[in-house]
Amino acid sequence: MPVDENLNTRVRDALAAHAGISEKRMMGGQCFFLNGNMLCGARRHKDGVGRFMFRVGKANESMALKDPMAKEVIHGTRKLGGFVHVEEGDCDDPALRRWVKLCLEHAAALPAKD
């Protein structure tokens, strides 16, 4: 599955003002990290739909899923607690910045990883 650079650029732009950001290719797309803790990811799925995956944390998951555009993340057959995904068409730039802010808040509360 090729990495979707348009989606990645949108995430990079939303994270541009933040230090400690890194990237790694995993889970079929590109994932973004703050001090070694996963924040979010982006990929274009086999069905052609681009999706953002946001690590909001288990404490914020139920609140995040109240957004009608957010869905649970199922990876294989397993639900990933603390993660939601939003399709690219449902995530304009202001919405992306709001989701990224929630991810940053969650990751900033975690101890840094190497």
N, C-alpha and C. Protein backbone atom coordinates (compact mmCIF):
# COMPACT_ATOMS: atom_id res chain seq x y z
N MET A 1 0.84 -1.18 0.00
CA MET A 1 0.00 0.00 0.00
C MET A 1 0.89 1.24 0.00
N PRO A 2 0.80 2.07 -1.03
CA PRO A 2 1.64 3.25 -1.07
C PRO A 2 1.22 4.29 -0.03
N VAL A 3 2.20 4.99 0.49
CA VAL A 3 1.95 6.07 1.42
C VAL A 3 1.32 7.22 0.64
N ASP A 4 0.34 7.87 1.21
CA ASP A 4 -0.34 8.99 0.55
C ASP A 4 0.30 10.30 1.02
N GLU A 5 1.13 10.89 0.19
CA GLU A 5 1.86 12.10 0.58
C GLU A 5 0.95 13.30 0.78
N ASN A 6 -0.20 13.35 0.11
CA ASN A 6 -1.12 14.46 0.34
C ASN A 6 -1.65 14.43 1.77
N LEU A 7 -2.03 13.26 2.25
CA LEU A 7 -2.50 13.12 3.63
C LEU A 7 -1.37 13.43 4.60
N ASN A 8 -0.19 12.90 4.31
CA ASN A 8 0.96 13.12 5.20
C ASN A 8 1.32 14.60 5.28
N THR A 9 1.26 15.29 4.17
CA THR A 9 1.56 16.72 4.17
C THR A 9 0.57 17.48 5.03
N ARG A 10 -0.68 17.10 4.98
CA ARG A 10 -1.68 17.77 5.82
C ARG A 10 -1.36 17.58 7.30
N VAL A 11 -0.96 16.36 7.67
CA VAL A 11 -0.60 16.11 9.07
C VAL A 11 0.67 16.89 9.43
N ARG A 12 1.66 16.84 8.57
CA ARG A 12 2.90 17.58 8.83
C ARG A 12 2.62 19.07 9.04
N ASP A 13 1.75 19.64 8.23
CA ASP A 13 1.40 21.05 8.37
C ASP A 13 0.73 21.32 9.71
N ALA A 14 -0.14 20.40 10.15
CA ALA A 14 -0.82 20.57 11.44
C ALA A 14 0.14 20.44 12.61
N LEU A 15 1.24 19.72 12.41
CA LEU A 15 2.23 19.49 13.48
C LEU A 15 3.44 20.42 13.38
N ALA A 16 3.48 21.28 12.40
CA ALA A 16 4.69 22.06 12.08
C ALA A 16 5.22 22.88 13.25
N ALA A 17 4.38 23.36 14.11
CA ALA A 17 4.82 24.24 15.20
C ALA A 17 5.30 23.48 16.43
N HIS A 18 5.30 22.17 16.37
CA HIS A 18 5.60 21.37 17.56
C HIS A 18 6.96 20.68 17.45
N ALA A 19 7.74 20.77 18.52
CA ALA A 19 9.04 20.11 18.59
C ALA A 19 8.84 18.66 19.03
N GLY A 20 9.82 17.83 18.75
CA GLY A 20 9.79 16.44 19.20
C GLY A 20 8.97 15.52 18.32
N ILE A 21 8.64 15.95 17.10
CA ILE A 21 7.82 15.15 16.18
C ILE A 21 8.73 14.27 15.33
N SER A 22 8.34 13.01 15.19
CA SER A 22 9.04 12.09 14.30
C SER A 22 8.01 11.31 13.51
N GLU A 23 8.47 10.57 12.51
CA GLU A 23 7.58 9.79 11.66
C GLU A 23 8.15 8.39 11.48
N LYS A 24 7.23 7.47 11.25
CA LYS A 24 7.63 6.10 10.97
C LYS A 24 6.55 5.46 10.11
N ARG A 25 6.99 4.68 9.14
CA ARG A 25 6.04 3.97 8.31
C ARG A 25 5.60 2.70 9.04
N MET A 26 4.32 2.58 9.31
CA MET A 26 3.78 1.40 9.98
C MET A 26 2.26 1.37 9.82
N MET A 27 1.67 0.26 10.12
CA MET A 27 0.22 0.07 10.05
C MET A 27 -0.33 0.41 8.67
N GLY A 28 0.45 0.19 7.63
CA GLY A 28 0.02 0.42 6.26
C GLY A 28 0.06 1.86 5.82
N GLY A 29 0.61 2.73 6.63
CA GLY A 29 0.67 4.15 6.27
C GLY A 29 1.82 4.81 6.97
N GLN A 30 1.68 6.11 7.20
CA GLN A 30 2.69 6.89 7.89
C GLN A 30 2.13 7.27 9.26
N CYS A 31 2.91 7.02 10.32
CA CYS A 31 2.51 7.38 11.67
C CYS A 31 3.41 8.49 12.19
N PHE A 32 2.85 9.33 13.02
CA PHE A 32 3.53 10.49 13.56
C PHE A 32 3.60 10.36 15.07
N PHE A 33 4.72 10.79 15.65
CA PHE A 33 4.99 10.59 17.07
C PHE A 33 5.43 11.89 17.73
N LEU A 34 5.13 12.02 19.01
CA LEU A 34 5.64 13.10 19.84
C LEU A 34 6.51 12.46 20.91
N ASN A 35 7.79 12.77 20.91
CA ASN A 35 8.73 12.21 21.87
C ASN A 35 8.62 10.68 21.97
N GLY A 36 8.41 10.04 20.82
CA GLY A 36 8.35 8.59 20.75
C GLY A 36 6.98 7.98 20.99
N ASN A 37 5.98 8.79 21.35
CA ASN A 37 4.62 8.30 21.57
C ASN A 37 3.76 8.61 20.36
N MET A 38 3.04 7.58 19.86
CA MET A 38 2.23 7.76 18.67
C MET A 38 1.15 8.81 18.89
N LEU A 39 1.02 9.67 17.90
CA LEU A 39 -0.02 10.69 17.88
C LEU A 39 -1.15 10.31 16.93
N CYS A 40 -0.76 10.04 15.68
CA CYS A 40 -1.75 9.84 14.64
C CYS A 40 -1.09 9.17 13.44
N GLY A 41 -1.90 8.85 12.47
CA GLY A 41 -1.41 8.25 11.25
C GLY A 41 -2.30 8.61 10.09
N ALA A 42 -1.83 8.34 8.89
CA ALA A 42 -2.59 8.60 7.68
C ALA A 42 -2.28 7.53 6.65
N ARG A 43 -3.31 7.12 5.94
CA ARG A 43 -3.09 6.16 4.85
C ARG A 43 -4.29 6.13 3.92
N ARG A 44 -4.04 5.68 2.72
CA ARG A 44 -5.11 5.46 1.76
C ARG A 44 -5.37 3.96 1.75
N HIS A 45 -6.59 3.58 2.02
CA HIS A 45 -6.94 2.16 2.13
C HIS A 45 -7.22 1.55 0.75
N LYS A 46 -7.34 0.26 0.74
CA LYS A 46 -7.57 -0.48 -0.51
C LYS A 46 -8.85 -0.03 -1.21
N ASP A 47 -9.82 0.46 -0.43
CA ASP A 47 -11.07 0.94 -1.01
C ASP A 47 -10.92 2.32 -1.64
N GLY A 48 -9.72 2.90 -1.59
CA GLY A 48 -9.45 4.20 -2.19
C GLY A 48 -9.71 5.38 -1.28
N VAL A 49 -10.23 5.12 -0.09
CA VAL A 49 -10.56 6.20 0.84
C VAL A 49 -9.35 6.49 1.73
N GLY A 50 -9.01 7.76 1.83
CA GLY A 50 -7.95 8.17 2.75
C GLY A 50 -8.54 8.37 4.13
N ARG A 51 -7.81 7.92 5.13
CA ARG A 51 -8.27 8.05 6.51
C ARG A 51 -7.13 8.51 7.40
N PHE A 52 -7.51 9.33 8.38
CA PHE A 52 -6.60 9.72 9.44
C PHE A 52 -6.93 8.87 10.65
N MET A 53 -5.93 8.42 11.36
CA MET A 53 -6.11 7.69 12.61
C MET A 53 -5.54 8.57 13.72
N PHE A 54 -6.33 8.78 14.76
CA PHE A 54 -5.92 9.65 15.85
C PHE A 54 -5.86 8.87 17.16
N ARG A 55 -4.74 9.00 17.86
CA ARG A 55 -4.60 8.39 19.18
C ARG A 55 -5.04 9.43 20.21
N VAL A 56 -6.28 9.29 20.64
CA VAL A 56 -6.85 10.25 21.58
C VAL A 56 -6.71 9.81 23.02
N GLY A 57 -6.39 8.54 23.22
CA GLY A 57 -6.29 7.97 24.57
C GLY A 57 -7.61 7.37 25.01
N LYS A 58 -7.53 6.35 25.82
CA LYS A 58 -8.75 5.65 26.27
C LYS A 58 -9.68 6.56 27.05
N ALA A 59 -9.12 7.51 27.81
CA ALA A 59 -9.97 8.41 28.60
C ALA A 59 -10.79 9.35 27.72
N ASN A 60 -10.30 9.64 26.52
CA ASN A 60 -10.99 10.56 25.61
C ASN A 60 -11.77 9.85 24.51
N GLU A 61 -11.67 8.53 24.46
CA GLU A 61 -12.26 7.80 23.34
C GLU A 61 -13.76 7.98 23.24
N SER A 62 -14.49 7.83 24.33
CA SER A 62 -15.95 7.93 24.24
C SER A 62 -16.38 9.33 23.83
N MET A 63 -15.69 10.35 24.32
CA MET A 63 -15.99 11.73 23.91
C MET A 63 -15.68 11.91 22.43
N ALA A 64 -14.56 11.38 21.96
CA ALA A 64 -14.17 11.51 20.56
C ALA A 64 -15.19 10.83 19.64
N LEU A 65 -15.71 9.69 20.08
CA LEU A 65 -16.66 8.95 19.25
C LEU A 65 -18.04 9.60 19.20
N LYS A 66 -18.26 10.64 20.00
CA LYS A 66 -19.51 11.40 19.88
C LYS A 66 -19.51 12.26 18.63
N ASP A 67 -18.34 12.52 18.08
CA ASP A 67 -18.25 13.21 16.80
C ASP A 67 -18.77 12.24 15.74
N PRO A 68 -19.79 12.63 14.97
CA PRO A 68 -20.37 11.69 14.00
C PRO A 68 -19.41 11.26 12.90
N MET A 69 -18.31 11.98 12.72
CA MET A 69 -17.34 11.62 11.69
C MET A 69 -16.30 10.61 12.19
N ALA A 70 -16.20 10.44 13.49
CA ALA A 70 -15.20 9.55 14.08
C ALA A 70 -15.74 8.13 14.19
N LYS A 71 -14.89 7.18 13.91
CA LYS A 71 -15.23 5.75 14.00
C LYS A 71 -14.16 5.03 14.80
N GLU A 72 -14.54 3.91 15.39
CA GLU A 72 -13.56 3.07 16.09
C GLU A 72 -12.53 2.56 15.10
N VAL A 73 -11.33 2.33 15.57
CA VAL A 73 -10.28 1.76 14.73
C VAL A 73 -10.25 0.26 14.96
N ILE A 74 -10.44 -0.48 13.89
CA ILE A 74 -10.32 -1.94 13.91
C ILE A 74 -9.10 -2.28 13.06
N HIS A 75 -8.11 -2.89 13.68
CA HIS A 75 -6.89 -3.28 12.97
C HIS A 75 -6.89 -4.79 12.90
N GLY A 76 -7.11 -5.32 11.71
CA GLY A 76 -7.30 -6.77 11.57
C GLY A 76 -8.66 -7.11 12.15
N THR A 77 -8.65 -7.87 13.23
CA THR A 77 -9.90 -8.22 13.90
C THR A 77 -9.98 -7.59 15.29
N ARG A 78 -9.02 -6.75 15.61
CA ARG A 78 -8.91 -6.21 16.96
C ARG A 78 -9.24 -4.72 17.01
N LYS A 79 -10.08 -4.33 17.95
CA LYS A 79 -10.37 -2.92 18.19
C LYS A 79 -9.20 -2.31 18.94
N LEU A 80 -8.72 -1.17 18.47
CA LEU A 80 -7.62 -0.47 19.14
C LEU A 80 -8.22 0.58 20.07
N GLY A 81 -8.19 0.31 21.34
CA GLY A 81 -8.71 1.25 22.33
C GLY A 81 -7.91 2.53 22.33
N GLY A 82 -8.60 3.65 22.46
CA GLY A 82 -7.94 4.94 22.52
C GLY A 82 -7.65 5.54 21.16
N PHE A 83 -8.08 4.89 20.08
CA PHE A 83 -7.86 5.38 18.72
C PHE A 83 -9.20 5.57 18.01
N VAL A 84 -9.27 6.58 17.17
CA VAL A 84 -10.42 6.77 16.28
C VAL A 84 -9.88 7.09 14.89
N HIS A 85 -10.71 6.86 13.88
CA HIS A 85 -10.31 7.31 12.55
C HIS A 85 -11.41 8.19 11.95
N VAL A 86 -10.96 9.06 11.06
CA VAL A 86 -11.84 9.99 10.37
C VAL A 86 -11.44 9.99 8.91
N GLU A 87 -12.41 9.86 8.02
CA GLU A 87 -12.11 9.88 6.59
C GLU A 87 -11.67 11.28 6.17
N GLU A 88 -10.78 11.32 5.18
CA GLU A 88 -10.21 12.60 4.74
C GLU A 88 -11.28 13.60 4.32
N GLY A 89 -12.34 13.13 3.69
CA GLY A 89 -13.41 14.02 3.24
C GLY A 89 -14.20 14.63 4.39
N ASP A 90 -14.11 14.04 5.55
CA ASP A 90 -14.80 14.52 6.74
C ASP A 90 -13.87 15.29 7.67
N CYS A 91 -12.66 15.58 7.20
CA CYS A 91 -11.65 16.18 8.07
C CYS A 91 -10.96 17.33 7.34
N ASP A 92 -11.64 18.49 7.34
CA ASP A 92 -11.01 19.67 6.74
C ASP A 92 -9.86 20.12 7.64
N ASP A 93 -9.13 21.14 7.23
CA ASP A 93 -7.94 21.56 7.98
C ASP A 93 -8.24 22.01 9.41
N PRO A 94 -9.31 22.79 9.66
CA PRO A 94 -9.62 23.13 11.07
C PRO A 94 -9.94 21.89 11.91
N ALA A 95 -10.68 20.94 11.34
CA ALA A 95 -10.98 19.71 12.07
C ALA A 95 -9.70 18.91 12.33
N LEU A 96 -8.82 18.84 11.34
CA LEU A 96 -7.56 18.12 11.51
C LEU A 96 -6.75 18.74 12.64
N ARG A 97 -6.69 20.07 12.69
CA ARG A 97 -5.96 20.72 13.78
C ARG A 97 -6.59 20.42 15.14
N ARG A 98 -7.90 20.35 15.22
CA ARG A 98 -8.56 20.00 16.50
C ARG A 98 -8.21 18.58 16.92
N TRP A 99 -8.26 17.64 15.98
CA TRP A 99 -7.92 16.25 16.30
C TRP A 99 -6.46 16.15 16.72
N VAL A 100 -5.57 16.81 15.98
CA VAL A 100 -4.15 16.76 16.31
C VAL A 100 -3.91 17.36 17.70
N LYS A 101 -4.61 18.43 18.04
CA LYS A 101 -4.46 19.04 19.36
C LYS A 101 -4.83 18.03 20.45
N LEU A 102 -5.92 17.30 20.26
CA LEU A 102 -6.32 16.28 21.24
C LEU A 102 -5.25 15.20 21.35
N CYS A 103 -4.69 14.77 20.23
CA CYS A 103 -3.63 13.77 20.23
C CYS A 103 -2.38 14.28 20.95
N LEU A 104 -2.02 15.53 20.68
CA LEU A 104 -0.85 16.12 21.34
C LEU A 104 -1.04 16.20 22.84
N GLU A 105 -2.23 16.58 23.28
CA GLU A 105 -2.51 16.66 24.72
C GLU A 105 -2.35 15.28 25.37
N HIS A 106 -2.86 14.25 24.71
CA HIS A 106 -2.74 12.90 25.25
C HIS A 106 -1.28 12.47 25.30
N ALA A 107 -0.56 12.63 24.19
CA ALA A 107 0.83 12.16 24.13
C ALA A 107 1.74 12.96 25.07
N ALA A 108 1.46 14.24 25.26
CA ALA A 108 2.30 15.06 26.13
C ALA A 108 2.23 14.60 27.58
N ALA A 109 1.15 13.94 27.95
CA ALA A 109 1.00 13.45 29.32
C ALA A 109 1.71 12.12 29.55
N LEU A 110 2.25 11.53 28.49
CA LEU A 110 2.94 10.24 28.58
C LEU A 110 4.44 10.45 28.74
N PRO A 111 5.12 9.50 29.39
CA PRO A 111 6.58 9.63 29.46
C PRO A 111 7.20 9.46 28.07
N ALA A 112 8.26 10.19 27.82
CA ALA A 112 8.94 10.10 26.52
C ALA A 112 9.53 8.71 26.34
N LYS A 113 9.56 8.26 25.07
CA LYS A 113 10.17 6.98 24.71
C LYS A 113 11.37 7.26 23.83
N ASP A 114 12.31 6.34 23.85
CA ASP A 114 13.47 6.48 22.97
C ASP A 114 13.17 5.97 21.59
